[in-house]
Protein backbone atom coordinates (compact mmCIF):
# COMPACT_ATOMS: atom_id res chain seq x y z
CA UNK A 1 74.84 5.29 126.28
CA UNK A 2 71.30 3.95 126.16
CA UNK A 3 69.85 2.23 123.14
CA UNK A 4 68.14 4.65 120.81
CA UNK A 5 64.85 3.51 119.30
CA UNK A 6 64.60 3.75 115.54
CA UNK A 7 60.84 4.06 115.61
CA UNK A 8 58.23 6.68 116.29
CA UNK A 9 54.50 6.69 116.69
CA UNK A 10 53.90 6.04 112.97
CA UNK A 11 57.07 4.55 111.44
CA UNK A 12 60.10 2.41 112.11
CA UNK A 13 63.46 2.53 110.38
CA UNK A 14 64.57 -0.97 109.46
CA UNK A 15 68.02 -2.01 108.14
CA UNK A 16 68.15 -3.25 104.56
CA UNK A 17 67.18 -6.88 104.28
CA UNK A 18 66.64 -9.06 101.25
CA UNK A 19 62.87 -9.09 101.96
CA UNK A 20 62.83 -5.42 100.87
CA UNK A 21 64.96 -5.93 97.78
CA UNK A 22 62.16 -6.27 95.19
CA UNK A 23 60.61 -2.99 96.37
CA UNK A 24 64.02 -1.29 96.30
CA UNK A 25 64.66 -2.63 92.81
CA UNK A 26 61.34 -1.14 91.59
CA UNK A 27 62.43 2.26 92.92
CA UNK A 28 65.88 1.87 91.36
CA UNK A 29 64.69 1.06 87.83
CA UNK A 30 62.25 3.98 87.83
CA UNK A 31 64.02 6.69 85.82
CA UNK A 32 62.53 9.46 87.96
CA UNK A 33 64.04 8.05 91.17
CA UNK A 34 67.25 6.33 90.07
CA UNK A 35 69.50 9.28 90.98
CA UNK A 36 67.83 9.57 94.38
CA UNK A 37 68.73 6.03 95.27
CA UNK A 38 72.39 5.57 94.43
CA UNK A 39 75.38 7.68 93.57
CA UNK A 40 76.90 5.49 90.87
CA UNK A 41 78.50 6.29 87.52
CA UNK A 42 76.60 3.58 85.65
CA UNK A 43 73.34 1.65 85.94
CA UNK A 44 73.71 -1.54 87.94
CA UNK A 45 72.25 -4.92 87.04
CA UNK A 46 69.79 -6.44 89.49
CA UNK A 47 72.55 -8.65 90.92
CA UNK A 48 75.01 -5.75 91.22
CA UNK A 49 72.39 -3.62 92.97
CA UNK A 50 71.73 -6.40 95.47
CA UNK A 51 75.46 -6.79 96.21
CA UNK A 52 75.84 -3.02 96.55
CA UNK A 53 72.95 -2.75 99.02
CA UNK A 54 74.20 -5.73 101.03
CA UNK A 55 77.67 -4.19 101.43
CA UNK A 56 77.31 -2.59 104.88
CA UNK A 57 80.62 -0.70 104.55
CA UNK A 58 79.19 1.65 101.94
CA UNK A 59 76.42 3.34 103.87
CA UNK A 60 73.73 3.17 106.50
CA UNK A 61 70.60 2.23 104.60
CA UNK A 62 67.31 2.11 106.48
CA UNK A 63 63.89 1.39 105.06
CA UNK A 64 60.96 3.46 106.28
CA UNK A 65 58.16 1.09 107.25
CA UNK A 66 54.80 2.16 108.70
CA UNK A 67 54.20 0.65 112.15
CA UNK A 68 51.06 -1.22 111.05
CA UNK A 69 52.50 -2.52 107.74
CA UNK A 70 55.38 -4.65 106.47
CA UNK A 71 55.90 -2.89 103.15
CA UNK A 72 58.43 -0.05 103.03
CA UNK A 73 57.27 3.36 101.84
CA UNK A 74 60.75 4.77 101.39
CA UNK A 75 64.33 4.74 102.55
CA UNK A 76 66.80 7.04 104.21
CA UNK A 77 70.53 6.56 103.94
CA UNK A 78 73.96 8.01 104.45
CA UNK A 79 76.99 7.97 102.17
CA UNK A 80 80.43 9.61 101.84
CA UNK A 81 81.12 9.29 105.57
CA UNK A 82 84.33 11.14 106.45
CA UNK A 83 85.29 10.24 109.99
CA UNK A 84 88.41 12.45 109.97
CA UNK A 85 86.54 15.65 109.16
CA UNK A 86 83.29 14.63 110.86
CA UNK A 87 80.72 14.78 108.08
CA UNK A 88 78.56 12.60 105.87
CA UNK A 89 75.86 12.96 103.24
CA UNK A 90 72.28 11.76 103.57
CA UNK A 91 69.30 11.25 101.30
CA UNK A 92 65.66 10.36 101.81
CA UNK A 93 63.18 8.87 99.38
CA UNK A 94 59.50 8.45 100.23
CA UNK A 95 57.25 7.25 97.47
CA UNK A 96 54.05 8.95 98.66
CA UNK A 97 55.77 12.12 99.98
CA UNK A 98 53.79 12.17 103.24
CA UNK A 99 54.91 15.19 105.34
CA UNK A 100 54.50 13.35 108.64
CA UNK A 101 56.65 10.44 107.45
CA UNK A 102 59.35 12.83 106.18
CA UNK A 103 59.48 14.63 109.50
CA UNK A 104 59.56 11.50 111.62
CA UNK A 105 62.16 9.76 109.44
CA UNK A 106 64.43 12.85 109.43
CA UNK A 107 64.12 13.23 113.19
CA UNK A 108 64.83 9.58 114.01
CA UNK A 109 67.71 9.23 111.56
CA UNK A 110 69.52 12.48 112.39
CA UNK A 111 69.15 11.92 116.10
CA UNK A 112 70.67 8.46 115.59
CA UNK A 113 73.58 9.83 113.53
CA UNK A 114 74.41 12.64 115.95
CA UNK A 115 74.10 10.32 118.97
CA UNK A 116 76.25 7.43 117.76
CA UNK A 117 78.76 8.98 115.36
CA UNK A 118 81.35 11.75 115.80
CA UNK A 119 79.66 13.88 113.17
CA UNK A 120 79.75 17.65 113.28
CA UNK A 121 77.68 18.21 110.13
CA UNK A 122 75.48 16.46 107.62
CA UNK A 123 75.29 17.37 103.93
CA UNK A 124 72.20 16.96 101.79
CA UNK A 125 72.19 17.43 98.02
CA UNK A 126 68.92 18.43 96.41
CA UNK A 127 67.77 19.71 93.02
CA UNK A 128 65.83 22.96 92.76
CA UNK A 129 62.75 21.25 91.29
CA UNK A 130 62.24 19.25 94.50
CA UNK A 131 60.67 22.14 96.40
CA UNK A 132 58.97 19.91 98.98
CA UNK A 133 62.28 18.38 100.10
CA UNK A 134 63.87 21.83 100.23
CA UNK A 135 61.07 22.98 102.53
CA UNK A 136 61.67 19.97 104.81
CA UNK A 137 65.40 20.67 104.91
CA UNK A 138 64.84 24.28 105.93
CA UNK A 139 62.37 23.16 108.63
CA UNK A 140 65.14 20.95 110.04
CA UNK A 141 67.56 23.90 110.23
CA UNK A 142 69.57 22.92 107.16
CA UNK A 143 71.34 25.90 105.59
CA UNK A 144 72.19 26.37 101.94
CA UNK A 145 75.95 25.97 101.61
CA UNK A 146 76.33 26.23 97.84
CA UNK A 147 74.50 26.18 94.55
CA UNK A 148 75.78 24.44 91.44
CA UNK A 149 74.12 26.31 88.59
CA UNK A 150 72.33 24.41 85.82
CA UNK A 151 73.74 21.11 87.08
CA UNK A 152 71.12 18.56 85.99
CA UNK A 153 69.10 18.17 82.83
CA UNK A 154 65.61 17.00 83.78
CA UNK A 155 62.28 17.17 82.01
CA UNK A 156 63.56 19.35 79.18
CA UNK A 157 65.61 21.92 81.10
CA UNK A 158 68.63 22.38 83.35
CA UNK A 159 68.21 22.77 87.11
CA UNK A 160 70.46 23.94 89.91
CA UNK A 161 71.79 21.53 92.50
CA UNK A 162 71.82 22.79 96.08
CA UNK A 163 74.07 21.49 98.82
CA UNK A 164 72.64 22.02 102.28
CA UNK A 165 74.33 21.47 105.65
CA UNK A 166 73.05 20.72 109.11
CA UNK A 167 75.44 21.22 112.01
CA UNK A 168 75.01 19.21 115.20
CA UNK A 169 74.21 22.32 117.26
CA UNK A 170 71.55 23.42 114.73
CA UNK A 171 69.84 20.03 114.91
CA UNK A 172 69.58 20.22 118.68
CA UNK A 173 68.36 23.83 118.50
CA UNK A 174 65.40 22.52 116.53
CA UNK A 175 64.69 20.11 119.39
CA UNK A 176 64.25 22.93 121.94
């Protein structure tokens, strides 16, 4: 199998490194993005967050870095990898919500996952108020698998949580 590039015309996906930690910590302590970043029961200290991110067994965590810059603009990661049943969950966070960056990061990351891992489907959890992410998921052939009604209290009201799935064959159909 040939080496797969984790870069495109505009971005590169770079493994977590301590040089990105301060930026990651800023995202983590922001109350509007904390639940996007980690699936933990409690808030981690700065030291605990660093140890968690450095533990490579937990997830694939890649920072999204523009080709012409050294500062990350977001991250994309996987979690809950189940090798027996062939699935995992993913999440993306981009601080400026640039459509081109979303598309390129999704494409690079999912191509990498389906090429190098025996995955038959990818799950993606999203809240109903994040309409832009939902649009991106649908453009990538994700299908709504279930809806958890009034799951999260945010900004004064309860919102549904959607769980989307992308099967390997559906990803490659998009490529045609």
